[in-house]
Amino acid sequence: MTMKFTTIIPILLLALVDIGYKPNPVPKKMHDFIVIAHRGDHTVYPENTLEGYAMAAKNEADYVEIDLRTTSDNQLVSMHDGSVNRMTNGKGLIKDLTLQQIEALKVNARSSTDTATYRVPTFEQILKLCRNKIHIYIDFKEADATATLTMLKQYHMEKQVLVYINKPSQYTDWRKTDPSMPLMLSLPDSVKSTVSLQSFLNKYQPDVLDGDYSDYTTDMVALAKAGGLQVWPDAQGPKEGPAVWDKAISIGLTGLQTDNPHALVQYLKSKGLR
């Protein structure tokens, strides 16, 4: 009986937590446990391609994560790296290349036996593909908030996205441009407990939390949830699989970013979580 009370009391205390602000709501949930396809589903197709994003939607992921960058002529495209060197048959920085130059490039296939042609997708192409099919997690690498929002509104998709912030100036720009946009921040290395998490939340007021799943404890997840925050960290990495997913679920997480969206969805179904 004593053990029950010692377990219940901290939970009751967390229910009374006031984090000092009301987080912006995330896009309407399609499932109780959220699956975010890191750079699309690149188990078969190359990362950050329309084919990989379409596969993620087909395999029932809730979000595709894209990496938004700006060309020299102010067009928005998705590529993780700042240069095209690793992923294409070209060379150079995206910020120094025109959209026409980037569209002429071929994205490297995952296998030498794959003879299909893949291209670097534009933001507009991604919006057309994903609208009313799958949400978009925008990793805001190098882009303009106003230009991004304008295109989102053009396709009536401003309520179908969230934005991951990489630096303070991006946070400031988005809060000015669209105060209602859900912004995601990673935990800094200094946040290791509920006390330091509370301080971080008070100072930066994120709407969604990211980071590595191992950055979190059960109490930290409970604190965030009590404040109305979603916690959807990264599971991707060499060790990702059922052991990692089991651990994430055991500490109360209800969303993960993954390199294996189809496998994670099937695992969740086997656990009765989808």
Protein backbone atom coordinates (compact mmCIF):
# COMPACT_ATOMS: atom_id res chain seq x y z
CA MET A 1 0.00 0.00 0.00
CA THR A 2 2.84 2.39 0.86
CA MET A 3 4.52 1.72 -2.49
CA LYS A 4 1.31 2.64 -4.32
CA PHE A 5 1.11 5.98 -2.58
CA THR A 6 4.77 6.81 -3.24
CA THR A 7 4.13 6.16 -6.92
CA ILE A 8 0.87 8.12 -7.09
CA ILE A 9 1.96 11.24 -5.19
CA PRO A 10 4.57 12.46 -7.73
CA ILE A 11 2.03 11.92 -10.52
CA LEU A 12 -0.56 13.96 -8.66
CA LEU A 13 1.97 16.73 -8.08
CA LEU A 14 2.85 16.80 -11.78
CA ALA A 15 -0.83 17.16 -12.62
CA LEU A 16 -0.73 20.49 -10.80
CA VAL A 17 2.29 21.77 -12.75
CA ASP A 18 2.01 25.15 -14.44
CA ILE A 19 4.82 25.59 -16.98
CA GLY A 20 3.99 29.28 -17.32
CA TYR A 21 2.60 29.32 -20.88
CA LYS A 22 0.17 27.50 -23.15
CA PRO A 23 1.93 25.58 -25.96
CA ASN A 24 0.60 25.95 -29.49
CA PRO A 25 -1.34 22.86 -30.59
CA VAL A 26 0.28 20.45 -33.03
CA PRO A 27 -1.48 19.32 -36.22
CA LYS A 28 -4.47 17.07 -35.62
CA LYS A 29 -3.27 13.64 -34.56
CA MET A 30 -3.96 10.70 -36.82
CA HIS A 31 -2.83 8.11 -34.25
CA ASP A 32 -2.20 7.97 -30.51
CA PHE A 33 1.48 7.14 -31.08
CA ILE A 34 3.14 9.44 -33.61
CA VAL A 35 5.64 8.08 -36.17
CA ILE A 36 7.89 10.64 -37.87
CA ALA A 37 9.73 9.39 -40.96
CA HIS A 38 13.24 10.88 -40.77
CA ARG A 39 14.00 12.31 -44.24
CA GLY A 40 11.07 10.24 -45.51
CA ASP A 41 11.17 6.45 -45.79
CA HIS A 42 14.71 5.91 -47.05
CA THR A 43 14.93 2.19 -46.42
CA VAL A 44 14.30 1.71 -50.16
CA TYR A 45 14.38 5.15 -51.77
CA PRO A 46 17.03 7.87 -51.31
CA GLU A 47 16.51 10.24 -48.38
CA ASN A 48 14.58 13.46 -48.94
CA THR A 49 13.00 12.45 -52.24
CA LEU A 50 9.36 12.55 -53.27
CA GLU A 51 9.44 8.78 -53.61
CA GLY A 52 10.64 8.39 -50.02
CA TYR A 53 8.00 10.80 -48.71
CA ALA A 54 5.26 8.97 -50.64
CA MET A 55 6.42 5.64 -49.22
CA ALA A 56 6.24 7.05 -45.68
CA ALA A 57 2.64 8.12 -46.28
CA LYS A 58 1.79 4.72 -47.78
CA ASN A 59 3.28 2.97 -44.74
CA GLU A 60 1.12 5.03 -42.35
CA ALA A 61 3.71 7.38 -40.87
CA ASP A 62 2.18 10.51 -39.34
CA TYR A 63 4.88 12.96 -40.48
CA VAL A 64 7.66 13.19 -43.00
CA GLU A 65 10.67 15.11 -41.78
CA ILE A 66 12.12 17.38 -44.46
CA ASP A 67 15.19 19.65 -44.44
CA LEU A 68 14.33 23.06 -45.82
CA ARG A 69 17.01 25.11 -47.58
CA THR A 70 17.12 28.09 -49.93
CA THR A 71 18.73 28.29 -53.38
CA SER A 72 20.66 31.28 -54.69
CA ASP A 73 17.48 32.51 -56.40
CA ASN A 74 15.42 32.20 -53.21
CA GLN A 75 13.61 28.96 -53.98
CA LEU A 76 12.91 26.38 -51.26
CA VAL A 77 14.16 22.80 -51.58
CA SER A 78 14.73 19.85 -49.25
CA MET A 79 18.17 18.45 -48.57
CA HIS A 80 19.83 17.60 -45.29
CA ASP A 81 23.35 18.74 -46.19
CA GLY A 82 24.29 22.28 -47.05
CA SER A 83 25.96 20.98 -50.20
CA VAL A 84 24.75 18.65 -52.94
CA ASN A 85 28.00 16.67 -52.92
CA ARG A 86 26.98 13.62 -50.86
CA MET A 87 23.53 13.01 -52.28
CA THR A 88 23.80 13.96 -55.97
CA ASN A 89 25.99 13.77 -59.05
CA GLY A 90 26.79 17.47 -58.65
CA LYS A 91 29.01 19.70 -56.53
CA GLY A 92 28.42 22.93 -54.66
CA LEU A 93 26.45 24.58 -51.89
CA ILE A 94 22.70 24.85 -52.24
CA LYS A 95 22.83 28.54 -51.34
CA ASP A 96 25.17 29.11 -54.32
CA LEU A 97 23.13 27.15 -56.88
CA THR A 98 19.98 28.21 -58.73
CA LEU A 99 16.84 26.10 -58.67
CA GLN A 100 17.39 25.27 -62.34
CA GLN A 101 20.86 23.95 -61.56
CA ILE A 102 19.58 21.86 -58.64
CA GLU A 103 16.65 20.45 -60.60
CA ALA A 104 19.11 19.20 -63.24
CA LEU A 105 20.93 17.07 -60.66
CA LYS A 106 20.31 13.38 -60.10
CA VAL A 107 20.00 12.13 -56.53
CA ASN A 108 22.10 9.04 -55.89
CA ALA A 109 20.12 5.81 -55.57
CA ARG A 110 20.65 3.61 -52.53
CA SER A 111 21.69 0.67 -54.71
CA SER A 112 23.66 0.36 -57.92
CA THR A 113 20.90 -1.90 -59.22
CA ASP A 114 18.33 0.90 -58.88
CA THR A 115 18.27 2.63 -62.26
CA ALA A 116 15.42 5.04 -61.49
CA THR A 117 16.03 8.80 -61.64
CA TYR A 118 15.52 10.77 -58.42
CA ARG A 119 15.54 14.54 -58.08
CA VAL A 120 15.94 17.07 -55.28
CA PRO A 121 12.36 18.04 -54.38
CA THR A 122 11.10 21.58 -54.09
CA PHE A 123 9.01 22.64 -51.13
CA GLU A 124 6.08 23.19 -53.45
CA GLN A 125 6.31 19.63 -54.78
CA ILE A 126 6.39 18.30 -51.22
CA LEU A 127 3.30 20.28 -50.26
CA LYS A 128 1.40 18.98 -53.30
CA LEU A 129 2.40 15.42 -52.44
CA CYS A 130 1.62 15.56 -48.72
CA ARG A 131 -1.53 17.65 -48.58
CA ASN A 132 -4.29 15.80 -46.72
CA LYS A 133 -2.14 12.63 -46.68
CA ILE A 134 0.62 13.14 -44.15
CA HIS A 135 1.86 15.94 -41.90
CA ILE A 136 5.21 17.66 -42.43
CA TYR A 137 7.94 18.18 -39.85
CA ILE A 138 10.05 21.00 -41.26
CA ASP A 139 13.65 20.92 -40.09
CA PHE A 140 14.31 24.60 -40.75
CA LYS A 141 17.91 24.43 -41.96
CA GLU A 142 18.30 27.71 -43.90
CA ALA A 143 15.11 29.39 -45.03
CA ASP A 144 12.91 32.42 -44.57
CA ALA A 145 9.87 32.14 -42.29
CA THR A 146 7.74 34.53 -44.34
CA ALA A 147 8.46 32.77 -47.64
CA THR A 148 7.74 29.40 -46.03
CA LEU A 149 4.47 30.53 -44.48
CA THR A 150 3.35 32.16 -47.73
CA MET A 151 3.71 28.88 -49.58
CA LEU A 152 2.04 26.93 -46.77
CA LYS A 153 -0.96 29.28 -46.97
CA GLN A 154 -1.04 28.97 -50.76
CA TYR A 155 -1.67 25.24 -50.30
CA HIS A 156 -3.81 25.67 -47.16
CA MET A 157 -1.30 23.61 -45.17
CA GLU A 158 -0.25 25.94 -42.37
CA LYS A 159 -2.11 23.67 -39.91
CA GLN A 160 -0.49 20.52 -41.26
CA VAL A 161 3.11 21.28 -40.22
CA LEU A 162 5.41 21.92 -37.30
CA VAL A 163 8.81 23.61 -37.46
CA TYR A 164 12.05 22.38 -35.88
CA ILE A 165 14.24 25.30 -34.83
CA ASN A 166 18.02 25.16 -35.28
CA LYS A 167 19.09 28.59 -34.00
CA PRO A 168 17.70 31.49 -31.94
CA SER A 169 17.12 33.81 -34.91
CA GLN A 170 14.77 31.24 -36.46
CA TYR A 171 12.73 31.07 -33.27
CA THR A 172 12.41 34.86 -33.19
CA ASP A 173 11.46 35.05 -36.87
CA TRP A 174 8.75 32.40 -36.56
CA ARG A 175 7.24 33.88 -33.40
CA LYS A 176 6.93 37.21 -35.24
CA THR A 177 5.77 35.73 -38.54
CA ASP A 178 3.19 33.29 -37.18
CA PRO A 179 2.82 33.17 -33.38
CA SER A 180 0.52 30.15 -33.69
CA MET A 181 3.03 27.91 -35.52
CA PRO A 182 4.09 24.94 -33.34
CA LEU A 183 7.85 25.16 -32.86
CA MET A 184 10.02 22.23 -31.81
CA LEU A 185 13.24 22.50 -29.83
CA SER A 186 15.81 19.90 -28.76
CA LEU A 187 16.92 19.66 -25.16
CA PRO A 188 20.37 21.13 -24.49
CA ASP A 189 22.92 18.88 -22.78
CA SER A 190 22.39 20.77 -19.51
CA VAL A 191 18.80 19.52 -19.15
CA LYS A 192 18.95 16.26 -17.20
CA SER A 193 16.11 16.51 -14.68
CA THR A 194 12.63 17.91 -14.13
CA VAL A 195 14.15 20.94 -12.42
CA SER A 196 16.37 21.86 -15.37
CA LEU A 197 13.58 20.97 -17.81
CA GLN A 198 11.19 23.34 -16.03
CA SER A 199 13.79 26.11 -16.29
CA PHE A 200 14.29 25.40 -20.00
CA LEU A 201 10.54 25.47 -20.66
CA ASN A 202 10.10 28.74 -18.78
CA LYS A 203 12.91 30.40 -20.73
CA TYR A 204 12.28 29.19 -24.29
CA GLN A 205 8.59 28.15 -24.34
CA PRO A 206 8.74 25.43 -27.01
CA ASP A 207 5.54 23.83 -28.30
CA VAL A 208 7.07 20.39 -28.99
CA LEU A 209 10.20 18.74 -27.58
CA ASP A 210 12.82 16.82 -29.54
CA GLY A 211 16.31 15.52 -28.77
CA ASP A 212 17.38 11.90 -28.39
CA TYR A 213 14.92 9.56 -26.69
CA SER A 214 17.65 8.70 -24.17
CA ASP A 215 17.75 12.35 -23.00
CA TYR A 216 14.44 11.82 -21.22
CA THR A 217 13.34 10.19 -17.98
CA THR A 218 9.85 9.11 -17.02
CA ASP A 219 9.49 12.16 -14.75
CA MET A 220 10.66 14.54 -17.48
CA VAL A 221 8.14 13.14 -19.96
CA ALA A 222 5.40 13.36 -17.33
CA LEU A 223 6.29 16.99 -16.58
CA ALA A 224 6.13 17.94 -20.27
CA LYS A 225 2.80 16.16 -20.74
CA ALA A 226 1.37 17.85 -17.63
CA GLY A 227 2.20 21.17 -19.27
CA GLY A 228 0.47 20.20 -22.51
CA LEU A 229 3.69 19.56 -24.45
CA GLN A 230 4.25 16.80 -26.97
CA VAL A 231 7.58 14.95 -26.65
CA TRP A 232 8.58 13.32 -29.94
CA PRO A 233 12.34 12.71 -29.86
CA ASP A 234 14.73 10.83 -32.14
CA ALA A 235 15.06 7.05 -32.09
CA GLN A 236 17.07 6.78 -35.29
CA GLY A 237 20.60 5.41 -35.14
CA PRO A 238 22.56 2.16 -35.55
CA LYS A 239 20.85 0.53 -32.56
CA GLU A 240 17.30 1.45 -33.49
CA GLY A 241 14.87 -1.43 -33.18
CA PRO A 242 12.43 -3.07 -30.75
CA ALA A 243 14.73 -2.63 -27.73
CA VAL A 244 14.94 1.12 -28.34
CA TRP A 245 11.20 1.38 -29.00
CA ASP A 246 10.40 -0.62 -25.85
CA LYS A 247 12.52 1.74 -23.78
CA ALA A 248 10.89 4.82 -25.31
CA ILE A 249 7.41 3.50 -24.58
CA SER A 250 8.37 2.49 -21.03
CA ILE A 251 9.21 6.09 -20.10
CA GLY A 252 5.92 7.38 -21.46
CA LEU A 253 6.87 8.68 -24.91
CA THR A 254 4.04 8.74 -27.43
CA GLY A 255 5.96 9.74 -30.56
CA LEU A 256 9.33 9.02 -32.18
CA GLN A 257 11.35 10.07 -35.20
CA THR A 258 12.66 6.98 -36.96
CA ASP A 259 14.75 5.71 -39.85
CA ASN A 260 12.46 2.67 -40.04
CA PRO A 261 8.89 4.00 -40.24
CA HIS A 262 7.29 0.88 -41.67
CA ALA A 263 8.93 -1.39 -39.09
CA LEU A 264 8.00 0.96 -36.24
CA VAL A 265 4.36 1.15 -37.37
CA GLN A 266 4.16 -2.65 -37.54
CA TYR A 267 5.77 -2.96 -34.10
CA LEU A 268 3.26 -0.49 -32.64
CA LYS A 269 0.39 -2.45 -34.19
CA SER A 270 1.73 -5.66 -32.62
CA LYS A 271 1.67 -3.89 -29.25
CA GLY A 272 -1.86 -2.59 -29.73
CA LEU A 273 -0.61 1.01 -29.91
CA ARG A 274 -1.90 1.78 -33.44
